[in-house]
């Protein structure tokens, strides 16, 4: 079977090469929504992991659609969100060049579990 790769078409897309594991398990938020000063402060992001997918049967509420008031089966994603504790707030200031870091305010007192998570050993 020598030189078989020259006689047959390839199997699989080259777009998925090089196949390797992700460098980090935790994702990164790359964009935040615009802040509205007239509204109160709120949590803009939170951590979640994709745990899997399943399906649901639901009634469609779209007037004018063929499926209006009928049941349909749809795919859904299950996201696991671990319990979170807010331990601080990062303050940014708006400048002509964009947002820049101003200060970090930590909650008081910090629990021992939180302090332990800051150190590797």
Foldseek 3Di string as FASTA:
>chain_A
DPPVPVVDDDDDDPVCPPDDDDPDPFDDDDDWDDDDVVDDDDDGDAGKDFPAKDKDWDQDCDPPDPRHRHIDIDMDIDIDGDDDDDFKDWDWDQDPVGTDTDDIGGDPPDDPVVVVVVDPD
